[in-house]
Protein backbone atom coordinates (compact mmCIF):
# COMPACT_ATOMS: atom_id res chain seq x y z
CA MET A 1 -0.03 0.31 0.03
CA ASP A 2 1.26 3.52 -1.19
CA ARG A 3 1.50 6.75 1.41
CA ARG A 4 -1.55 7.88 -0.33
CA SER A 5 -3.56 5.19 -0.35
CA LEU A 6 -2.47 4.40 4.03
CA ILE A 7 -3.53 8.31 4.35
CA LYS A 8 -6.98 7.47 2.77
CA ASN A 9 -7.81 4.46 4.63
CA THR A 10 -6.49 5.08 8.03
CA GLY A 11 -6.09 8.60 8.29
CA ILE A 12 -3.49 10.30 10.73
CA ALA A 13 -3.52 7.78 13.24
CA GLY A 14 -2.78 5.03 11.05
CA VAL A 15 0.09 6.36 9.66
CA LEU A 16 1.82 7.67 13.11
CA ALA A 17 1.43 4.26 13.80
CA ALA A 18 2.89 2.70 10.14
CA GLY A 19 6.00 5.02 11.81
CA ILE A 20 6.15 7.52 8.99
CA ALA A 21 5.79 10.17 11.35
CA PRO A 22 9.68 10.76 11.07
CA ALA A 23 9.27 11.80 7.58
CA VAL A 24 6.22 13.88 7.85
CA HIS A 25 8.39 15.41 10.93
CA ALA A 26 11.84 16.58 8.35
CA GLN A 27 9.57 18.03 6.15
CA THR A 28 7.88 20.48 9.09
CA THR A 29 9.67 24.10 10.30
CA LEU A 30 9.20 24.27 13.96
CA ARG A 31 8.84 28.13 14.72
CA TRP A 32 9.28 29.64 18.35
CA ARG A 33 9.74 33.40 19.26
CA LEU A 34 12.69 34.66 21.62
CA ALA A 35 11.46 37.79 24.13
CA SER A 36 14.94 39.89 25.40
CA SER A 37 15.11 42.49 27.79
CA PHE A 38 17.41 44.17 26.25
CA PRO A 39 16.56 47.23 22.82
CA LYS A 40 18.44 45.91 19.57
CA SER A 41 20.49 49.12 19.58
CA LEU A 42 22.68 46.91 22.57
CA ASP A 43 24.04 44.53 19.74
CA THR A 44 26.05 42.35 22.35
CA LEU A 45 23.19 41.97 24.83
CA PHE A 46 20.71 41.87 22.58
CA GLY A 47 22.94 40.59 19.72
CA VAL A 48 23.17 37.20 21.75
CA ALA A 49 19.70 35.80 21.07
CA ASP A 50 20.32 36.37 17.75
CA VAL A 51 23.68 34.48 17.37
CA PHE A 52 21.92 31.80 19.49
CA ALA A 53 18.90 31.94 16.89
CA LYS A 54 21.40 31.46 13.77
CA LYS A 55 23.20 28.71 15.41
CA VAL A 56 20.16 27.11 15.84
CA SER A 57 19.03 27.49 12.74
CA ASP A 58 22.31 26.56 10.67
CA MET A 59 22.58 22.90 12.80
CA THR A 60 18.71 22.17 11.67
CA GLY A 61 19.13 23.01 8.10
CA GLY A 62 16.51 26.00 8.61
CA LYS A 63 14.10 23.47 10.67
CA PHE A 64 14.03 25.58 13.90
CA VAL A 65 13.76 28.44 13.45
CA ILE A 66 13.44 31.04 16.25
CA SER A 67 12.44 34.68 15.91
CA THR A 68 14.04 37.20 18.13
CA HIS A 69 12.35 40.35 19.52
CA ALA A 70 13.41 43.27 21.62
CA ALA A 71 12.24 44.31 24.69
CA GLY A 72 8.81 46.21 24.32
CA GLU A 73 7.93 44.39 21.35
CA LEU A 74 6.26 41.38 22.45
CA MET A 75 6.16 42.11 26.34
CA PRO A 76 8.46 44.82 28.77
CA ALA A 77 11.83 44.17 29.50
CA PHE A 78 11.09 42.94 33.04
CA GLY A 79 8.10 40.73 31.72
CA VAL A 80 10.21 38.03 30.45
CA LEU A 81 10.48 35.66 32.83
CA ASP A 82 6.70 35.27 33.53
CA GLY A 83 6.43 35.33 29.79
CA VAL A 84 8.38 31.99 29.40
CA SER A 85 6.93 30.66 32.66
CA ASN A 86 2.98 31.46 31.37
CA GLY A 87 3.65 29.75 27.90
CA THR A 88 3.14 33.29 25.99
CA VAL A 89 6.82 33.00 24.15
CA GLU A 90 8.51 29.72 24.19
CA MET A 91 11.97 31.43 24.92
CA GLY A 92 13.54 34.59 26.64
CA GLY A 93 16.91 36.42 26.61
CA THR A 94 17.33 38.30 29.96
CA ALA A 95 19.48 38.67 33.18
CA PRO A 96 18.10 36.63 35.93
CA TYR A 97 18.82 39.39 38.77
CA TYR A 98 16.37 41.22 37.23
CA PHE A 99 13.87 39.26 39.09
CA PHE A 100 15.30 39.17 42.67
CA GLY A 101 12.21 40.97 43.82
CA LYS A 102 10.52 37.62 43.52
CA ASP A 103 12.97 35.98 44.92
CA PRO A 104 17.00 36.78 45.23
CA THR A 105 17.84 33.33 44.53
CA TYR A 106 17.10 34.46 40.73
CA ALA A 107 20.20 36.73 40.90
CA LEU A 108 22.30 33.61 41.74
CA ASP A 109 22.04 32.84 38.24
CA CYS A 110 23.25 36.37 37.13
CA ALA A 111 25.41 38.34 39.54
CA ILE A 112 25.85 39.19 43.38
CA PRO A 113 27.97 42.06 44.82
CA PHE A 114 31.35 40.33 45.24
CA GLY A 115 30.31 37.24 43.51
CA LEU A 116 31.88 35.07 41.23
CA ASN A 117 33.86 36.47 38.25
CA SER A 118 32.96 35.30 34.71
CA ARG A 119 35.29 32.23 34.12
CA GLN A 120 34.33 31.07 37.95
CA MET A 121 30.78 31.54 37.25
CA THR A 122 30.93 29.14 34.10
CA ALA A 123 32.95 26.81 36.02
CA TRP A 124 30.37 26.62 38.37
CA MET A 125 27.56 25.94 36.49
CA TYR A 126 28.98 23.51 34.09
CA GLU A 127 31.51 21.91 36.31
CA GLY A 128 30.30 22.61 39.27
CA ASN A 129 26.91 22.57 40.56
CA GLY A 130 25.17 25.29 39.60
CA LEU A 131 23.28 24.54 36.54
CA LYS A 132 21.60 21.36 38.40
CA LEU A 133 20.87 23.88 41.64
CA MET A 134 19.32 26.45 39.31
CA ARG A 135 17.38 24.07 37.11
CA GLU A 136 15.59 22.38 40.22
CA PHE A 137 15.08 26.26 41.38
CA TYR A 138 13.28 27.11 37.69
CA ALA A 139 11.47 24.25 37.74
CA LYS A 140 9.19 25.21 40.06
CA VAL A 141 8.25 28.00 37.20
CA GLY A 142 8.20 26.07 34.59
CA ILE A 143 11.38 27.09 33.26
CA VAL A 144 14.38 25.36 31.85
CA ASN A 145 17.63 27.63 31.99
CA PHE A 146 20.90 28.05 30.14
CA PRO A 147 23.75 30.06 30.48
CA MET A 148 24.18 31.82 27.92
CA GLY A 149 26.45 35.32 28.23
CA ASN A 150 28.77 37.20 30.54
CA THR A 151 29.84 40.78 30.36
CA GLY A 152 33.03 40.05 32.34
CA VAL A 153 33.88 42.45 35.14
CA GLN A 154 31.52 45.71 34.65
CA MET A 155 32.23 49.08 35.37
CA GLY A 156 30.86 51.16 38.37
CA GLY A 157 28.48 53.55 36.34
CA TRP A 158 28.23 57.39 35.49
CA TYR A 159 27.80 60.21 38.16
CA ARG A 160 27.40 63.66 37.76
CA LYS A 161 29.37 64.59 41.17
CA GLU A 162 32.95 62.61 42.28
CA ILE A 163 32.40 60.28 44.75
CA LYS A 164 35.43 61.26 47.23
CA SER A 165 34.23 59.12 50.40
CA LEU A 166 31.22 57.02 51.91
CA LYS A 167 29.40 60.08 52.69
CA ASP A 168 28.86 61.41 49.32
CA LEU A 169 26.58 57.69 48.56
CA LYS A 170 23.84 59.55 50.86
CA GLY A 171 20.74 60.34 49.28
CA LEU A 172 22.01 59.15 45.66
CA LYS A 173 19.64 58.50 43.17
CA PHE A 174 21.30 55.64 41.44
CA ARG A 175 20.27 53.59 38.24
CA VAL A 176 21.84 50.31 39.46
CA GLY A 177 20.19 47.04 38.33
CA GLY A 178 19.43 43.45 40.20
CA PHE A 179 20.97 42.78 43.56
CA GLY A 180 23.28 46.19 43.77
CA GLY A 181 20.74 48.02 44.75
CA LYS A 182 19.78 45.83 48.01
CA VAL A 183 23.58 46.53 48.68
CA LEU A 184 23.71 49.96 48.55
CA GLU A 185 20.83 50.90 50.10
CA PRO A 186 22.12 50.52 53.17
CA LEU A 187 24.93 53.09 52.53
CA GLY A 188 22.16 55.82 51.97
CA VAL A 189 21.74 55.18 47.96
CA VAL A 190 18.46 55.34 46.69
CA ALA A 191 18.36 52.59 44.15
CA GLN A 192 16.45 52.91 40.83
CA ASN A 193 16.16 49.98 38.44
CA ILE A 194 15.07 51.27 35.16
CA PRO A 195 15.97 49.28 31.97
CA GLY A 196 18.66 50.21 29.61
CA GLY A 197 16.69 52.03 27.21
CA GLU A 198 15.48 54.50 29.49
CA ILE A 199 18.55 55.27 31.21
CA TYR A 200 19.89 58.19 29.42
CA GLN A 201 16.55 60.22 29.34
CA ALA A 202 16.66 59.43 33.31
CA LEU A 203 20.21 60.88 33.73
CA GLU A 204 20.00 63.78 31.07
CA LYS A 205 16.64 65.03 32.97
CA GLY A 206 18.09 64.87 36.44
CA THR A 207 15.52 62.13 37.27
CA ILE A 208 18.50 60.10 39.04
CA ASP A 209 22.19 61.28 39.54
CA ALA A 210 24.24 58.22 38.59
CA ALA A 211 23.76 55.45 36.65
CA GLU A 212 25.75 51.90 35.58
CA TRP A 213 25.11 50.00 32.89
CA VAL A 214 27.68 47.25 31.37
CA GLY A 215 30.90 48.65 30.33
CA PRO A 216 32.87 51.31 28.02
CA TYR A 217 31.35 49.41 24.69
CA ASP A 218 27.58 49.45 25.82
CA ASP A 219 27.81 52.58 27.30
CA LEU A 220 29.40 54.26 24.91
CA LYS A 221 26.57 53.17 22.88
CA LEU A 222 24.19 54.81 25.31
CA GLY A 223 26.09 58.00 25.15
CA LEU A 224 25.85 58.12 28.95
CA ASN A 225 28.98 60.07 29.53
CA LYS A 226 27.58 62.99 27.46
CA VAL A 227 25.58 63.77 30.96
CA ALA A 228 27.86 62.21 33.34
CA PRO A 229 31.49 62.73 33.18
CA HIS A 230 32.88 60.99 36.48
CA TYR A 231 33.48 57.49 35.04
CA TYR A 232 33.90 54.42 38.06
CA TYR A 233 34.77 50.94 38.67
CA PRO A 234 34.60 48.19 39.88
CA GLY A 235 31.69 47.09 39.53
CA PHE A 236 31.75 45.35 42.74
CA TRP A 237 28.03 44.41 42.49
CA GLU A 238 28.44 42.55 38.98
CA VAL A 239 32.03 41.16 38.99
CA GLY A 240 30.61 38.35 36.17
CA PRO A 241 27.06 38.63 35.51
CA GLN A 242 25.67 35.83 33.60
CA LEU A 243 22.83 35.93 31.20
CA ALA A 244 20.43 33.33 30.60
CA LEU A 245 18.55 32.04 27.90
CA TYR A 246 14.83 31.00 29.28
CA VAL A 247 12.92 28.04 27.52
CA ASN A 248 9.66 26.98 28.62
CA GLN A 249 9.39 23.83 30.39
CA LYS A 250 6.80 22.03 28.49
CA ALA A 251 7.95 23.16 25.22
CA PHE A 252 11.09 22.41 25.77
CA GLU A 253 9.94 18.79 26.95
CA GLY A 254 8.11 18.52 23.44
CA LEU A 255 11.25 18.71 22.06
CA PRO A 256 13.31 15.59 20.07
CA SER A 257 16.48 14.88 21.58
CA GLU A 258 18.33 16.40 18.83
CA TYR A 259 16.53 19.32 18.96
CA LYS A 260 17.30 19.72 22.73
CA ALA A 261 21.02 19.07 22.36
CA ILE A 262 21.16 21.57 19.76
CA ILE A 263 20.09 24.30 21.82
CA GLU A 264 22.28 23.19 24.56
CA ALA A 265 25.27 23.67 21.90
CA ALA A 266 23.88 26.48 20.80
CA SER A 267 23.65 28.49 23.89
CA ALA A 268 27.36 27.54 25.07
CA TYR A 269 28.47 28.76 21.43
CA ALA A 270 26.81 32.15 22.22
CA HIS A 271 27.61 32.03 25.66
CA THR A 272 31.03 32.01 24.35
CA ASP A 273 30.89 34.80 21.83
CA MET A 274 29.22 37.06 23.76
CA GLN A 275 32.23 37.38 26.51
CA ALA A 276 34.68 37.49 23.30
CA LYS A 277 32.95 40.51 21.84
CA TYR A 278 33.11 42.40 25.03
CA ASP A 279 36.82 41.15 25.52
CA TYR A 280 37.67 42.73 22.67
CA ARG A 281 35.89 45.98 22.32
CA ASN A 282 36.05 47.48 25.57
CA HIS A 283 39.73 48.33 25.38
CA ASP A 284 38.88 50.50 22.12
CA ALA A 285 35.66 52.16 23.52
CA LEU A 286 37.31 53.01 26.80
CA LYS A 287 40.04 54.85 24.96
CA THR A 288 37.18 56.88 22.85
CA LEU A 289 35.20 57.88 26.04
CA LEU A 290 38.48 58.99 27.82
CA SER A 291 38.97 61.35 24.59
CA GLN A 292 35.39 62.52 24.85
CA GLY A 293 36.39 63.67 28.23
CA ALA A 294 35.48 60.94 30.66
CA LYS A 295 37.32 61.01 34.16
CA LEU A 296 37.85 58.08 34.99
CA HIS A 297 38.55 56.85 38.89
CA ALA A 298 38.51 53.67 41.37
CA PHE A 299 35.81 53.53 44.47
CA PRO A 300 37.20 55.00 47.50
CA LYS A 301 38.07 52.30 49.83
CA ASP A 302 35.55 53.08 52.45
CA VAL A 303 33.20 52.48 50.11
CA MET A 304 34.28 48.84 48.86
CA ASN A 305 34.62 48.05 52.18
CA ALA A 306 31.17 49.29 53.31
CA ALA A 307 29.05 47.61 50.54
CA PHE A 308 31.06 44.38 51.30
CA LYS A 309 30.01 44.39 54.76
CA SER A 310 26.43 44.81 53.94
CA SER A 311 26.58 42.36 51.12
CA GLN A 312 27.67 39.75 53.60
CA GLN A 313 25.41 40.80 56.11
CA ILE A 314 22.25 40.55 53.45
CA TYR A 315 23.63 36.74 52.38
CA SER A 316 23.24 35.77 56.04
CA ASP A 317 20.19 37.26 56.74
CA LEU A 318 18.74 35.78 53.61
CA SER A 319 20.35 32.34 54.19
CA ASN A 320 18.16 32.34 57.97
CA SER A 321 15.21 33.81 55.85
CA ASN A 322 15.11 32.10 52.60
CA PRO A 323 15.36 28.10 51.88
CA ASN A 324 15.97 28.39 48.00
CA TRP A 325 18.68 30.88 49.12
CA LYS A 326 20.07 28.86 51.80
CA LYS A 327 20.52 26.13 49.61
CA ILE A 328 22.32 27.57 46.40
CA TYR A 329 24.23 30.05 47.87
CA ALA A 330 25.96 27.77 50.49
CA ASP A 331 27.18 25.85 47.21
CA TYR A 332 27.86 29.17 45.64
CA SER A 333 30.11 30.42 48.23
CA LYS A 334 32.04 27.28 48.79
CA TYR A 335 33.45 27.43 45.24
CA ARG A 336 33.67 30.84 45.44
CA ARG A 337 36.01 30.50 48.50
CA GLU A 338 37.83 27.41 47.21
CA SER A 339 38.17 29.05 43.63
CA ASN A 340 39.44 32.66 44.71
CA LEU A 341 42.42 30.19 47.03
CA TRP A 342 43.46 28.88 43.45
CA PHE A 343 43.37 32.35 41.65
CA SER A 344 45.38 34.10 44.02
CA PHE A 345 48.44 32.14 43.07
CA ALA A 346 48.81 31.91 39.29
CA GLU A 347 45.95 33.45 37.43
CA ASN A 348 46.58 36.67 40.11
CA ASN A 349 50.07 36.92 40.02
CA MET A 350 51.03 36.39 36.10
CA ASP A 351 47.92 38.96 35.17
CA SER A 352 49.35 41.72 38.08
CA PHE A 353 52.92 41.03 36.40
CA MET A 354 51.68 41.55 32.50
CA GLN A 355 49.40 44.60 33.45
CA LYS A 356 52.18 46.13 34.68
CA LEU A 357 54.57 46.14 31.55
CA LYS A 358 54.70 48.31 28.62
CA LEU A 359 54.80 46.04 25.62
């Protein structure tokens, strides 16, 4: 019996039972949507989604097509978690610490003040227990997460006035993402969580006194140096901020095994690609910013010390009150302690030596 007769006599159920489904599936194009928390103007933060989508398409011969959508197209920048969780879209690209208000534990999938650097974060996620523990946490909201990008240590932001000591933080209206605001609030900072596309206007109008975003490459694109000349470092609240790919759990479970593996491989590729872009582009962007009048400063020691003390108190309080945080932070902090010990030898000494040379 040929296929046409089989369909006529037995219907679709008969076709499936006869084992012809793979041939039918092979002719079908799967189309998903990915909502990002970032504007298209930021070609690294939003662009990581395009890199991922292209790799998925290439690896499936164009049979798995993912359209990417900037913040505001399908949902607000901070609506991505709920949008993926409830199935409005199949995928999202975001910075998980945006959702620390729902549960501070989300920040452990991105960055916390005085946390892991980018290499340590990748190691904890892929080789340590990070991905396993975060997957257990995300399962409660119907999401499967994948690391997908890292900026490296960020800058400390743009300020209208100099920060000469801890007292200069009192009353400062500061756009700071994620967990950083919680750590800075006890120091007198008035934290504001504003999407990237709205920072320039808020700083220009004086709605805020200072703002941090990422680092030279993106900050130059946003033009933040035009409205606040003092550029501080380091961004101790974002030592190695990792972006995430969110996939709706039911949608993911419905995929064939090869498509699941392709999502894993493509997100890992995009993860590396994003960090490479920042590491290659930031130094030229910093030169440009300085040539345009940016004034570079290191945070005063009393600011760093007070912020560190504040962060440790908050983490201790959370471990006493939030079971999700306690479980994951215990493993995170153990690895941070052990990794910093190792990094203090070969890595730190070699970096310090090379960075002092005039090559």
